[in-house]
Amino acid sequence: MMALVWLIDILVIGVKILGGRTKVNPVLRYGLWVAVLSVLVAGFAVLGLLLVLLQRYLEGLD
């Protein structure tokens, strides 16, 4: 249970850094933005791949 609290705390710190409420080096802030956007793009790519695989599987059922 304590691990969940730590994860939420880290998430809140990350959001504060990304939002500009916490003063950090701009390189760190831009790096975090690049990391977040990269994870989003990778997630959409995986979702697209899964949809293509599902379509191929469903077409093969005929």
C-alpha atoms as a PDB file:
ATOM      1  CA  MET A   1       0.000   0.000   0.000  1.00  0.00           C
ATOM      2  CA  MET A   2       2.873   2.338   0.781  1.00  0.00           C
ATOM      3  CA  ALA A   3       4.304   1.735  -2.697  1.00  0.00           C
ATOM      4  CA  LEU A   4       1.085   3.100  -4.196  1.00  0.00           C
ATOM      5  CA  VAL A   5       1.439   6.259  -2.107  1.00  0.00           C
ATOM      6  CA  TRP A   6       5.014   6.675  -3.366  1.00  0.00           C
ATOM      7  CA  LEU A   7       3.922   6.230  -6.979  1.00  0.00           C
ATOM      8  CA  ILE A   8       1.182   8.822  -6.586  1.00  0.00           C
ATOM      9  CA  ASP A   9       3.662  11.187  -4.926  1.00  0.00           C
ATOM     10  CA  ILE A  10       6.125  10.783  -7.816  1.00  0.00           C
ATOM     11  CA  LEU A  11       3.299  11.396 -10.294  1.00  0.00           C
ATOM     12  CA  VAL A  12       2.298  14.602  -8.487  1.00  0.00           C
ATOM     13  CA  ILE A  13       5.914  15.827  -8.493  1.00  0.00           C
ATOM     14  CA  GLY A  14       6.162  15.084 -12.227  1.00  0.00           C
ATOM     15  CA  VAL A  15       2.965  16.993 -12.960  1.00  0.00           C
ATOM     16  CA  LYS A  16       4.221  19.956 -10.925  1.00  0.00           C
ATOM     17  CA  ILE A  17       7.475  19.965 -12.906  1.00  0.00           C
ATOM     18  CA  LEU A  18       5.690  19.687 -16.256  1.00  0.00           C
ATOM     19  CA  GLY A  19       3.224  22.404 -15.296  1.00  0.00           C
ATOM     20  CA  GLY A  20       5.927  24.836 -14.256  1.00  0.00           C
ATOM     21  CA  ARG A  21       4.977  25.092 -10.582  1.00  0.00           C
ATOM     22  CA  THR A  22       8.342  23.657  -9.504  1.00  0.00           C
ATOM     23  CA  LYS A  23      11.449  25.531 -10.600  1.00  0.00           C
ATOM     24  CA  VAL A  24      13.817  23.104 -12.315  1.00  0.00           C
ATOM     25  CA  ASN A  25      16.365  23.241 -15.091  1.00  0.00           C
ATOM     26  CA  PRO A  26      14.540  23.880 -18.406  1.00  0.00           C
ATOM     27  CA  VAL A  27      16.434  20.983 -19.990  1.00  0.00           C
ATOM     28  CA  LEU A  28      14.867  18.619 -17.444  1.00  0.00           C
ATOM     29  CA  ARG A  29      11.391  20.037 -18.107  1.00  0.00           C
ATOM     30  CA  TYR A  30      11.762  19.705 -21.893  1.00  0.00           C
ATOM     31  CA  GLY A  31      13.207  16.228 -21.480  1.00  0.00           C
ATOM     32  CA  LEU A  32      10.218  15.176 -19.393  1.00  0.00           C
ATOM     33  CA  TRP A  33       7.847  16.583 -22.022  1.00  0.00           C
ATOM     34  CA  VAL A  34       9.671  14.646 -24.741  1.00  0.00           C
ATOM     35  CA  ALA A  35       9.446  11.484 -22.632  1.00  0.00           C
ATOM     36  CA  VAL A  36       5.710  11.932 -21.991  1.00  0.00           C
ATOM     37  CA  LEU A  37       4.965  12.623 -25.648  1.00  0.00           C
ATOM     38  CA  SER A  38       7.095   9.645 -26.720  1.00  0.00           C
ATOM     39  CA  VAL A  39       5.159   7.357 -24.397  1.00  0.00           C
ATOM     40  CA  LEU A  40       1.882   8.669 -25.841  1.00  0.00           C
ATOM     41  CA  VAL A  41       3.047   8.086 -29.418  1.00  0.00           C
ATOM     42  CA  ALA A  42       4.275   4.601 -28.528  1.00  0.00           C
ATOM     43  CA  GLY A  43       0.938   3.833 -26.875  1.00  0.00           C
ATOM     44  CA  PHE A  44      -0.987   4.889 -29.970  1.00  0.00           C
ATOM     45  CA  ALA A  45       1.339   2.797 -32.134  1.00  0.00           C
ATOM     46  CA  VAL A  46       0.735  -0.286 -29.988  1.00  0.00           C
ATOM     47  CA  LEU A  47      -3.011   0.356 -30.049  1.00  0.00           C
ATOM     48  CA  GLY A  48      -2.935   0.617 -33.851  1.00  0.00           C
ATOM     49  CA  LEU A  49      -0.919  -2.595 -34.102  1.00  0.00           C
ATOM     50  CA  LEU A  50      -3.381  -4.419 -31.868  1.00  0.00           C
ATOM     51  CA  LEU A  51      -6.301  -3.197 -33.978  1.00  0.00           C
ATOM     52  CA  VAL A  52      -4.609  -4.443 -37.161  1.00  0.00           C
ATOM     53  CA  LEU A  53      -3.925  -7.821 -35.553  1.00  0.00           C
ATOM     54  CA  LEU A  54      -7.540  -8.028 -34.365  1.00  0.00           C
ATOM     55  CA  GLN A  55      -8.793  -7.232 -37.857  1.00  0.00           C
ATOM     56  CA  ARG A  56      -6.591  -9.934 -39.393  1.00  0.00           C
ATOM     57  CA  TYR A  57      -7.739 -12.438 -36.790  1.00  0.00           C
ATOM     58  CA  LEU A  58     -11.417 -11.640 -37.369  1.00  0.00           C
ATOM     59  CA  GLU A  59     -11.012 -11.837 -41.156  1.00  0.00           C
ATOM     60  CA  GLY A  60      -9.468 -15.280 -40.753  1.00  0.00           C
ATOM     61  CA  LEU A  61     -12.549 -16.613 -38.951  1.00  0.00           C
ATOM     62  CA  ASP A  62     -14.651 -16.638 -42.150  1.00  0.00           C
END
